[in-house]
């Protein structure tokens, strides 16, 4: 009887002892999860936008379109923002926000005045276009850290909050 108890205790301790075979479970889980993650990332990337960003540089929701261009195209010193109302109603637009980005950090500036005149909130009638020219040098003088920014975009919102648009990203520099 003592021999049976000793045998069962030894066999129970052998069940709880995990040797090099325990890593096979981790490799099996990894082999199951990697294809799922790759499939999710593949579906998430918008390949059409990635390769044809220059063909259609407008952000559009059917009522309002927003486009952003840099001049010159590489290391721009001037940005051109164009907003156009495509709806049959008048749209009241808040002041645009210019967003400078570097890696995960961003710095936002709201355009309050144009040529020392407050024009925002702006009423855009049906079919009307509003163009805004933004010089980047005053921003660089205001905050020297902006010279390290690599991307810039413009965000526009309607006063009552129905429409929120972000423009495409304009590259300021690569690194």
N, C-alpha and C. Protein backbone atom coordinates (compact mmCIF):
# COMPACT_ATOMS: atom_id res chain seq x y z
N UNK A 1 0.82 -1.18 0.00
CA UNK A 1 0.00 0.00 0.00
C UNK A 1 0.88 1.27 0.00
N UNK A 2 1.95 1.21 0.74
CA UNK A 2 2.87 2.34 0.78
C UNK A 2 3.51 2.51 -0.59
N UNK A 3 3.76 1.44 -1.26
CA UNK A 3 4.36 1.50 -2.59
C UNK A 3 3.39 2.16 -3.58
N UNK A 4 2.09 1.88 -3.46
CA UNK A 4 1.08 2.49 -4.35
C UNK A 4 1.00 3.99 -4.13
N UNK A 5 1.03 4.41 -2.88
CA UNK A 5 0.97 5.84 -2.56
C UNK A 5 2.21 6.53 -3.09
N UNK A 6 3.36 5.91 -2.94
CA UNK A 6 4.60 6.51 -3.42
C UNK A 6 4.58 6.61 -4.95
N UNK A 7 4.07 5.60 -5.61
CA UNK A 7 3.96 5.64 -7.05
C UNK A 7 3.00 6.73 -7.53
N UNK A 8 1.88 6.87 -6.85
CA UNK A 8 0.91 7.90 -7.25
C UNK A 8 1.45 9.30 -6.97
N UNK A 9 2.18 9.50 -5.88
CA UNK A 9 2.78 10.80 -5.59
C UNK A 9 3.82 11.13 -6.65
N UNK A 10 4.63 10.17 -7.04
CA UNK A 10 5.64 10.41 -8.08
C UNK A 10 4.98 10.72 -9.42
N UNK A 11 3.90 10.01 -9.74
CA UNK A 11 3.23 10.27 -11.01
C UNK A 11 2.52 11.63 -11.00
N UNK A 12 1.98 12.07 -9.85
CA UNK A 12 1.36 13.40 -9.75
C UNK A 12 2.40 14.50 -9.89
N UNK A 13 3.55 14.33 -9.29
CA UNK A 13 4.59 15.35 -9.40
C UNK A 13 5.13 15.41 -10.83
N UNK A 14 5.10 14.28 -11.53
CA UNK A 14 5.54 14.26 -12.92
C UNK A 14 4.55 15.01 -13.81
N UNK A 15 3.26 15.01 -13.45
CA UNK A 15 2.26 15.75 -14.23
C UNK A 15 2.45 17.25 -14.11
N UNK A 16 2.85 17.76 -12.97
CA UNK A 16 3.01 19.19 -12.75
C UNK A 16 4.38 19.71 -13.18
N UNK A 17 5.27 18.85 -13.47
CA UNK A 17 6.60 19.24 -13.87
C UNK A 17 6.58 19.53 -15.38
N UNK A 18 6.76 20.79 -15.74
CA UNK A 18 6.74 21.19 -17.14
C UNK A 18 8.18 21.30 -17.61
N UNK A 19 8.50 20.52 -18.57
CA UNK A 19 9.85 20.52 -19.11
C UNK A 19 9.91 21.37 -20.36
N UNK A 20 10.79 21.02 -21.26
CA UNK A 20 10.93 21.77 -22.49
C UNK A 20 9.71 21.67 -23.40
N UNK A 21 8.78 20.81 -23.12
CA UNK A 21 7.58 20.66 -23.93
C UNK A 21 6.62 21.83 -23.75
N UNK A 22 6.74 22.62 -22.68
CA UNK A 22 5.83 23.75 -22.42
C UNK A 22 5.92 24.85 -23.47
N UNK A 23 7.07 24.97 -24.14
CA UNK A 23 7.23 26.01 -25.15
C UNK A 23 6.48 25.70 -26.43
N UNK A 24 6.13 24.45 -26.62
CA UNK A 24 5.37 24.09 -27.82
C UNK A 24 4.00 24.74 -27.81
N UNK A 25 3.43 24.93 -26.64
CA UNK A 25 2.14 25.62 -26.54
C UNK A 25 2.28 27.08 -26.96
N UNK A 26 3.35 27.74 -26.52
CA UNK A 26 3.58 29.14 -26.93
C UNK A 26 3.79 29.25 -28.44
N UNK A 27 4.55 28.33 -29.02
CA UNK A 27 4.76 28.36 -30.46
C UNK A 27 3.46 28.09 -31.21
N UNK A 28 2.65 27.21 -30.66
CA UNK A 28 1.36 26.93 -31.29
C UNK A 28 0.44 28.14 -31.26
N UNK A 29 0.37 28.83 -30.12
CA UNK A 29 -0.44 30.04 -30.01
C UNK A 29 0.09 31.14 -30.93
N UNK A 30 1.41 31.27 -31.01
CA UNK A 30 2.00 32.27 -31.91
C UNK A 30 1.65 31.95 -33.35
N UNK A 31 1.72 30.68 -33.71
CA UNK A 31 1.39 30.28 -35.08
C UNK A 31 -0.08 30.55 -35.40
N UNK A 32 -0.94 30.51 -34.40
CA UNK A 32 -2.36 30.81 -34.63
C UNK A 32 -2.62 32.31 -34.68
N UNK A 33 -1.92 33.09 -33.88
CA UNK A 33 -2.18 34.53 -33.79
C UNK A 33 -1.54 35.34 -34.91
N UNK A 34 -0.39 34.95 -35.39
CA UNK A 34 0.30 35.73 -36.42
C UNK A 34 -0.54 35.88 -37.68
N UNK A 35 -1.14 34.84 -38.23
CA UNK A 35 -1.99 35.05 -39.42
C UNK A 35 -3.19 35.96 -39.16
N UNK A 36 -3.74 35.90 -37.97
CA UNK A 36 -4.88 36.77 -37.65
C UNK A 36 -4.43 38.23 -37.60
N UNK A 37 -3.28 38.49 -37.02
CA UNK A 37 -2.77 39.87 -36.94
C UNK A 37 -2.40 40.38 -38.32
N UNK A 38 -1.76 39.55 -39.14
CA UNK A 38 -1.40 39.96 -40.50
C UNK A 38 -2.66 40.25 -41.32
N UNK A 39 -3.68 39.42 -41.20
CA UNK A 39 -4.93 39.65 -41.92
C UNK A 39 -5.58 40.97 -41.48
N UNK A 40 -5.59 41.24 -40.17
CA UNK A 40 -6.19 42.48 -39.66
C UNK A 40 -5.43 43.69 -40.19
N UNK A 41 -4.10 43.66 -40.16
CA UNK A 41 -3.32 44.79 -40.66
C UNK A 41 -3.49 44.95 -42.17
N UNK A 42 -3.59 43.84 -42.90
CA UNK A 42 -3.78 43.90 -44.34
C UNK A 42 -5.11 44.57 -44.68
N UNK A 43 -6.16 44.27 -43.93
CA UNK A 43 -7.47 44.87 -44.16
C UNK A 43 -7.49 46.33 -43.73
N UNK A 44 -6.71 46.68 -42.73
CA UNK A 44 -6.73 48.03 -42.17
C UNK A 44 -6.02 49.04 -43.07
N UNK A 45 -4.98 48.63 -43.76
CA UNK A 45 -4.23 49.54 -44.61
C UNK A 45 -5.05 49.85 -45.86
N UNK A 46 -5.20 51.12 -46.14
CA UNK A 46 -5.91 51.54 -47.34
C UNK A 46 -4.89 51.65 -48.47
N UNK A 47 -4.74 50.57 -49.23
CA UNK A 47 -3.73 50.53 -50.28
C UNK A 47 -4.03 51.54 -51.38
N UNK A 48 -5.30 51.78 -51.66
CA UNK A 48 -5.66 52.73 -52.69
C UNK A 48 -5.21 54.14 -52.30
N UNK A 49 -5.44 54.52 -51.06
CA UNK A 49 -5.00 55.84 -50.60
C UNK A 49 -3.50 55.94 -50.51
N UNK A 50 -2.86 54.84 -50.17
CA UNK A 50 -1.41 54.84 -50.02
C UNK A 50 -0.70 55.11 -51.33
N UNK A 51 -1.18 54.52 -52.43
CA UNK A 51 -0.51 54.66 -53.70
C UNK A 51 -1.09 55.72 -54.61
N UNK A 52 -2.27 56.24 -54.33
CA UNK A 52 -2.87 57.24 -55.22
C UNK A 52 -3.25 58.50 -54.46
N UNK A 53 -2.43 58.91 -53.52
CA UNK A 53 -2.74 60.11 -52.74
C UNK A 53 -2.65 61.36 -53.60
N UNK A 54 -1.80 61.36 -54.62
CA UNK A 54 -1.64 62.55 -55.44
C UNK A 54 -2.79 62.73 -56.43
N UNK A 55 -3.52 61.64 -56.74
CA UNK A 55 -4.61 61.76 -57.70
C UNK A 55 -5.81 62.50 -57.13
N UNK A 56 -6.18 62.21 -55.90
CA UNK A 56 -7.34 62.85 -55.29
C UNK A 56 -6.94 63.39 -53.91
N UNK A 57 -6.41 64.62 -53.87
CA UNK A 57 -5.93 65.15 -52.60
C UNK A 57 -7.02 65.78 -51.73
N UNK A 58 -8.28 65.53 -52.04
CA UNK A 58 -9.37 66.15 -51.29
C UNK A 58 -9.93 65.21 -50.25
N UNK A 59 -10.32 65.78 -49.10
CA UNK A 59 -11.13 65.08 -48.12
C UNK A 59 -12.55 65.55 -48.37
N UNK A 60 -13.45 64.62 -48.53
CA UNK A 60 -14.79 64.97 -48.96
C UNK A 60 -15.80 64.13 -48.20
N UNK A 61 -16.87 64.77 -47.73
CA UNK A 61 -17.95 64.02 -47.09
C UNK A 61 -19.27 64.21 -47.83
N UNK A 62 -19.23 64.75 -49.02
CA UNK A 62 -20.43 64.95 -49.81
C UNK A 62 -20.94 66.37 -49.73
N UNK A 63 -20.81 67.00 -48.59
CA UNK A 63 -21.27 68.38 -48.43
C UNK A 63 -20.13 69.38 -48.52
N UNK A 64 -19.00 69.03 -47.95
CA UNK A 64 -17.86 69.94 -47.88
C UNK A 64 -16.61 69.19 -48.31
N UNK A 65 -15.77 69.81 -49.13
CA UNK A 65 -14.50 69.19 -49.49
C UNK A 65 -13.37 70.08 -49.00
N UNK A 66 -12.29 69.45 -48.59
CA UNK A 66 -11.14 70.15 -48.03
C UNK A 66 -9.89 69.62 -48.72
N UNK A 67 -9.08 70.52 -49.25
CA UNK A 67 -7.83 70.09 -49.88
C UNK A 67 -6.69 70.95 -49.36
N UNK A 68 -5.49 70.35 -49.32
CA UNK A 68 -4.30 71.02 -48.81
C UNK A 68 -3.15 70.72 -49.76
N UNK A 69 -2.45 71.76 -50.20
CA UNK A 69 -1.31 71.64 -51.09
C UNK A 69 -0.15 72.42 -50.50
N UNK A 70 1.06 71.93 -50.72
CA UNK A 70 2.26 72.64 -50.30
C UNK A 70 3.01 73.15 -51.51
N UNK A 71 3.63 74.31 -51.38
CA UNK A 71 4.40 74.89 -52.47
C UNK A 71 5.76 75.29 -51.94
N UNK A 72 6.86 74.80 -52.40
CA UNK A 72 7.03 73.72 -53.36
C UNK A 72 6.60 72.40 -52.75
N UNK A 73 6.58 71.36 -53.55
CA UNK A 73 6.06 70.09 -53.07
C UNK A 73 6.96 69.47 -52.00
N UNK A 74 8.30 69.60 -52.15
CA UNK A 74 9.22 69.09 -51.15
C UNK A 74 9.71 70.25 -50.29
N UNK A 75 9.61 70.13 -49.00
CA UNK A 75 9.92 71.19 -48.02
C UNK A 75 9.14 72.46 -48.33
N UNK A 76 7.82 72.40 -48.25
CA UNK A 76 7.02 73.58 -48.60
C UNK A 76 7.22 74.74 -47.63
N UNK A 77 7.08 75.94 -48.15
CA UNK A 77 7.14 77.14 -47.32
C UNK A 77 5.78 77.83 -47.27
N UNK A 78 4.88 77.44 -48.18
CA UNK A 78 3.53 77.99 -48.24
C UNK A 78 2.55 76.82 -48.36
N UNK A 79 1.45 76.90 -47.62
CA UNK A 79 0.38 75.92 -47.72
C UNK A 79 -0.86 76.60 -48.29
N UNK A 80 -1.56 75.90 -49.16
CA UNK A 80 -2.80 76.39 -49.73
C UNK A 80 -3.94 75.48 -49.28
N UNK A 81 -4.91 76.06 -48.60
CA UNK A 81 -6.07 75.33 -48.11
C UNK A 81 -7.28 75.77 -48.92
N UNK A 82 -8.05 74.79 -49.42
CA UNK A 82 -9.24 75.11 -50.20
C UNK A 82 -10.42 74.34 -49.63
N UNK A 83 -11.50 75.07 -49.31
CA UNK A 83 -12.74 74.47 -48.81
C UNK A 83 -13.85 74.81 -49.80
N UNK A 84 -14.64 73.81 -50.17
CA UNK A 84 -15.74 74.06 -51.11
C UNK A 84 -17.00 73.41 -50.58
N UNK A 85 -18.11 74.17 -50.64
CA UNK A 85 -19.42 73.70 -50.20
C UNK A 85 -20.12 73.06 -51.39
N UNK A 86 -20.41 71.76 -51.28
CA UNK A 86 -21.11 71.03 -52.34
C UNK A 86 -22.59 70.84 -52.05
N UNK A 87 -23.03 71.21 -50.87
CA UNK A 87 -24.43 70.97 -50.49
C UNK A 87 -25.31 72.12 -50.97
N UNK A 88 -26.61 71.97 -50.76
CA UNK A 88 -27.55 73.02 -51.15
C UNK A 88 -27.88 73.94 -49.99
N UNK A 89 -27.19 73.81 -48.88
CA UNK A 89 -27.42 74.67 -47.71
C UNK A 89 -26.15 75.45 -47.40
N UNK A 90 -26.29 76.48 -46.58
CA UNK A 90 -25.15 77.27 -46.13
C UNK A 90 -24.48 76.57 -44.97
N UNK A 91 -23.17 76.47 -45.03
CA UNK A 91 -22.40 75.80 -43.98
C UNK A 91 -21.60 76.85 -43.22
N UNK A 92 -21.68 76.79 -41.90
CA UNK A 92 -20.96 77.70 -41.02
C UNK A 92 -19.70 76.98 -40.51
N UNK A 93 -18.53 77.44 -40.95
CA UNK A 93 -17.27 76.75 -40.66
C UNK A 93 -16.51 77.47 -39.56
N UNK A 94 -16.01 76.67 -38.60
CA UNK A 94 -15.15 77.22 -37.56
C UNK A 94 -13.77 77.51 -38.13
N UNK A 95 -12.94 78.15 -37.33
CA UNK A 95 -11.58 78.45 -37.76
C UNK A 95 -10.80 77.15 -37.98
N UNK A 96 -10.07 77.05 -39.08
CA UNK A 96 -9.30 75.83 -39.34
C UNK A 96 -8.15 75.68 -38.33
N UNK A 97 -7.78 74.45 -38.08
CA UNK A 97 -6.71 74.13 -37.15
C UNK A 97 -5.58 73.51 -37.96
N UNK A 98 -4.37 74.07 -37.83
CA UNK A 98 -3.19 73.53 -38.51
C UNK A 98 -2.47 72.64 -37.51
N UNK A 99 -2.21 71.39 -37.90
CA UNK A 99 -1.60 70.40 -37.01
C UNK A 99 -0.23 70.02 -37.56
N UNK A 100 0.81 70.34 -36.80
CA UNK A 100 2.17 69.92 -37.12
C UNK A 100 2.45 68.63 -36.37
N UNK A 101 3.01 67.62 -37.05
CA UNK A 101 3.25 66.33 -36.42
C UNK A 101 4.69 65.90 -36.59
N UNK A 102 5.18 65.25 -35.55
CA UNK A 102 6.50 64.60 -35.57
C UNK A 102 6.38 63.34 -34.74
N UNK A 103 6.54 62.19 -35.36
CA UNK A 103 6.36 60.89 -34.73
C UNK A 103 5.00 60.83 -34.07
N UNK A 104 4.92 60.69 -32.75
CA UNK A 104 3.64 60.59 -32.05
C UNK A 104 3.20 61.93 -31.46
N UNK A 105 4.03 62.94 -31.50
CA UNK A 105 3.67 64.23 -30.92
C UNK A 105 3.08 65.14 -31.99
N UNK A 106 2.23 66.03 -31.55
CA UNK A 106 1.62 66.98 -32.49
C UNK A 106 1.44 68.32 -31.79
N UNK A 107 1.40 69.36 -32.60
CA UNK A 107 1.20 70.71 -32.10
C UNK A 107 0.13 71.35 -32.96
N UNK A 108 -0.91 71.91 -32.32
CA UNK A 108 -2.05 72.46 -33.06
C UNK A 108 -2.11 73.98 -32.91
N UNK A 109 -2.44 74.63 -34.02
CA UNK A 109 -2.62 76.07 -34.06
C UNK A 109 -3.94 76.39 -34.75
N UNK A 110 -4.74 77.22 -34.11
CA UNK A 110 -6.01 77.61 -34.71
C UNK A 110 -5.82 78.95 -35.42
N UNK A 111 -6.25 79.01 -36.68
CA UNK A 111 -6.15 80.23 -37.47
C UNK A 111 -7.32 81.12 -37.08
N UNK A 112 -7.04 82.21 -36.39
CA UNK A 112 -8.12 83.09 -35.93
C UNK A 112 -8.30 84.30 -36.83
N UNK A 113 -7.18 84.80 -37.36
CA UNK A 113 -7.26 86.02 -38.18
C UNK A 113 -6.56 85.79 -39.51
N UNK A 114 -7.08 86.45 -40.53
CA UNK A 114 -6.46 86.47 -41.85
C UNK A 114 -6.26 87.93 -42.22
N UNK A 115 -5.02 88.33 -42.45
CA UNK A 115 -4.67 89.73 -42.73
C UNK A 115 -5.21 90.67 -41.67
N UNK A 116 -5.06 90.30 -40.42
CA UNK A 116 -5.47 91.07 -39.24
C UNK A 116 -6.97 91.29 -39.17
N UNK A 117 -7.75 90.47 -39.84
CA UNK A 117 -9.21 90.55 -39.79
C UNK A 117 -9.76 89.21 -39.34
N UNK A 118 -10.70 89.25 -38.42
CA UNK A 118 -11.34 88.02 -37.97
C UNK A 118 -12.45 87.66 -38.94
N UNK A 119 -12.30 86.55 -39.65
CA UNK A 119 -13.31 86.14 -40.62
C UNK A 119 -13.99 84.83 -40.22
N UNK A 120 -13.51 84.20 -39.17
CA UNK A 120 -14.09 82.94 -38.73
C UNK A 120 -14.94 83.17 -37.50
N UNK A 121 -16.05 82.48 -37.37
CA UNK A 121 -16.66 81.47 -38.22
C UNK A 121 -17.09 82.05 -39.57
N UNK A 122 -16.95 81.22 -40.59
CA UNK A 122 -17.14 81.63 -41.97
C UNK A 122 -18.37 80.95 -42.55
N UNK A 123 -19.23 81.72 -43.20
CA UNK A 123 -20.42 81.16 -43.87
C UNK A 123 -20.08 80.87 -45.33
N UNK A 124 -20.21 79.62 -45.73
CA UNK A 124 -20.00 79.22 -47.12
C UNK A 124 -21.35 78.90 -47.74
N UNK A 125 -21.74 79.68 -48.73
CA UNK A 125 -22.99 79.43 -49.43
C UNK A 125 -22.81 78.22 -50.35
N UNK A 126 -23.91 77.75 -50.90
CA UNK A 126 -23.89 76.60 -51.78
C UNK A 126 -23.02 76.87 -53.00
N UNK A 127 -22.06 75.97 -53.28
CA UNK A 127 -21.18 76.12 -54.43
C UNK A 127 -20.04 77.09 -54.24
N UNK A 128 -19.92 77.71 -53.09
CA UNK A 128 -18.89 78.71 -52.84
C UNK A 128 -17.60 78.04 -52.38
N UNK A 129 -16.46 78.64 -52.74
CA UNK A 129 -15.14 78.13 -52.38
C UNK A 129 -14.41 79.16 -51.56
N UNK A 130 -13.69 78.70 -50.54
CA UNK A 130 -12.86 79.58 -49.71
C UNK A 130 -11.44 79.06 -49.79
N UNK A 131 -10.49 79.95 -50.12
CA UNK A 131 -9.09 79.58 -50.19
C UNK A 131 -8.31 80.36 -49.15
N UNK A 132 -7.35 79.68 -48.55
CA UNK A 132 -6.55 80.27 -47.49
C UNK A 132 -5.09 79.95 -47.78
N UNK A 133 -4.24 80.97 -47.74
CA UNK A 133 -2.81 80.81 -47.94
C UNK A 133 -2.13 80.93 -46.58
N UNK A 134 -1.32 79.94 -46.24
CA UNK A 134 -0.66 79.91 -44.94
C UNK A 134 0.84 79.90 -45.15
N UNK A 135 1.52 80.94 -44.65
CA UNK A 135 2.98 80.99 -44.65
C UNK A 135 3.48 80.23 -43.43
N UNK A 136 4.45 79.35 -43.61
CA UNK A 136 4.94 78.53 -42.50
C UNK A 136 6.02 79.22 -41.67
N UNK A 137 6.68 80.22 -42.22
CA UNK A 137 7.78 80.88 -41.51
C UNK A 137 7.34 81.52 -40.18
N UNK A 138 6.18 82.19 -40.09
CA UNK A 138 5.77 82.73 -38.78
C UNK A 138 5.57 81.64 -37.72
N UNK A 139 5.14 80.46 -38.13
CA UNK A 139 4.99 79.37 -37.17
C UNK A 139 6.36 78.91 -36.67
N UNK A 140 7.31 78.85 -37.59
CA UNK A 140 8.66 78.44 -37.19
C UNK A 140 9.31 79.46 -36.26
N UNK A 141 9.02 80.76 -36.49
CA UNK A 141 9.56 81.79 -35.60
C UNK A 141 8.90 81.74 -34.23
N UNK A 142 7.62 81.40 -34.20
CA UNK A 142 6.88 81.35 -32.94
C UNK A 142 7.37 80.21 -32.04
N UNK A 143 7.63 79.04 -32.65
CA UNK A 143 8.05 77.88 -31.88
C UNK A 143 9.12 77.14 -32.68
N UNK A 144 10.36 77.17 -32.20
CA UNK A 144 11.48 76.59 -32.95
C UNK A 144 11.37 75.08 -33.08
N UNK A 145 10.65 74.42 -32.18
CA UNK A 145 10.51 72.96 -32.23
C UNK A 145 9.73 72.53 -33.47
N UNK A 146 8.97 73.44 -34.07
CA UNK A 146 8.20 73.10 -35.27
C UNK A 146 9.09 72.84 -36.47
N UNK A 147 10.33 73.29 -36.44
CA UNK A 147 11.25 73.01 -37.54
C UNK A 147 11.57 71.53 -37.63
N UNK A 148 11.35 70.79 -36.54
CA UNK A 148 11.59 69.35 -36.57
C UNK A 148 10.35 68.57 -37.01
N UNK A 149 9.22 69.24 -37.20
CA UNK A 149 8.00 68.55 -37.62
C UNK A 149 8.19 67.99 -39.03
N UNK A 150 7.62 66.81 -39.26
CA UNK A 150 7.78 66.16 -40.56
C UNK A 150 6.51 66.20 -41.41
N UNK A 151 5.35 66.41 -40.78
CA UNK A 151 4.07 66.40 -41.50
C UNK A 151 3.19 67.54 -41.00
N UNK A 152 2.27 67.94 -41.86
CA UNK A 152 1.29 68.96 -41.48
C UNK A 152 -0.04 68.60 -42.14
N UNK A 153 -1.12 68.91 -41.44
CA UNK A 153 -2.46 68.70 -41.97
C UNK A 153 -3.36 69.81 -41.43
N UNK A 154 -4.54 69.95 -42.02
CA UNK A 154 -5.51 70.95 -41.59
C UNK A 154 -6.81 70.24 -41.22
N UNK A 155 -7.40 70.67 -40.11
CA UNK A 155 -8.68 70.12 -39.66
C UNK A 155 -9.71 71.23 -39.66
N UNK A 156 -10.90 70.92 -40.17
CA UNK A 156 -11.99 71.89 -40.25
C UNK A 156 -13.24 71.27 -39.66
N UNK A 157 -14.03 72.09 -38.96
CA UNK A 157 -15.27 71.59 -38.37
C UNK A 157 -16.37 72.62 -38.59
N UNK A 158 -17.60 72.11 -38.63
CA UNK A 158 -18.76 72.99 -38.71
C UNK A 158 -19.07 73.47 -37.30
N UNK A 159 -19.68 74.65 -37.19
CA UNK A 159 -19.94 75.24 -35.88
C UNK A 159 -20.86 74.35 -35.04
N UNK A 160 -21.91 73.77 -35.64
CA UNK A 160 -22.82 72.93 -34.86
C UNK A 160 -22.30 71.50 -34.70
N UNK A 161 -21.15 71.18 -35.29
CA UNK A 161 -20.51 69.89 -35.06
C UNK A 161 -20.93 68.77 -35.97
N UNK A 162 -21.73 69.03 -36.99
CA UNK A 162 -22.16 67.96 -37.90
C UNK A 162 -21.04 67.49 -38.82
N UNK A 163 -20.17 68.39 -39.24
CA UNK A 163 -19.11 68.06 -40.19
C UNK A 163 -17.76 68.26 -39.52
N UNK A 164 -16.90 67.24 -39.63
CA UNK A 164 -15.51 67.34 -39.17
C UNK A 164 -14.66 66.69 -40.26
N UNK A 165 -13.74 67.46 -40.83
CA UNK A 165 -12.88 66.95 -41.90
C UNK A 165 -11.41 67.17 -41.55
N UNK A 166 -10.60 66.20 -41.98
CA UNK A 166 -9.15 66.33 -41.88
C UNK A 166 -8.59 66.24 -43.29
N UNK A 167 -7.67 67.12 -43.62
CA UNK A 167 -7.08 67.10 -44.95
C UNK A 167 -6.05 65.99 -45.05
N UNK A 168 -5.55 65.79 -46.25
CA UNK A 168 -4.46 64.84 -46.42
C UNK A 168 -3.21 65.43 -45.79
N UNK A 169 -2.24 64.59 -45.54
CA UNK A 169 -0.99 65.03 -44.91
C UNK A 169 -0.05 65.55 -45.98
N UNK A 170 0.56 66.70 -45.70
CA UNK A 170 1.61 67.24 -46.56
C UNK A 170 2.93 67.02 -45.84
N UNK A 171 3.88 66.41 -46.52
CA UNK A 171 5.18 66.11 -45.93
C UNK A 171 6.04 67.37 -45.94
N UNK A 172 6.53 67.75 -44.77
CA UNK A 172 7.44 68.88 -44.67
C UNK A 172 8.88 68.42 -44.94
N UNK A 173 9.24 67.26 -44.41
CA UNK A 173 10.52 66.64 -44.68
C UNK A 173 10.41 65.17 -44.31
N UNK A 174 11.41 64.39 -44.67
CA UNK A 174 11.32 62.95 -44.45
C UNK A 174 11.78 62.54 -43.07
N UNK A 175 12.81 63.13 -42.53
CA UNK A 175 13.28 62.74 -41.19
C UNK A 175 13.47 63.97 -40.35
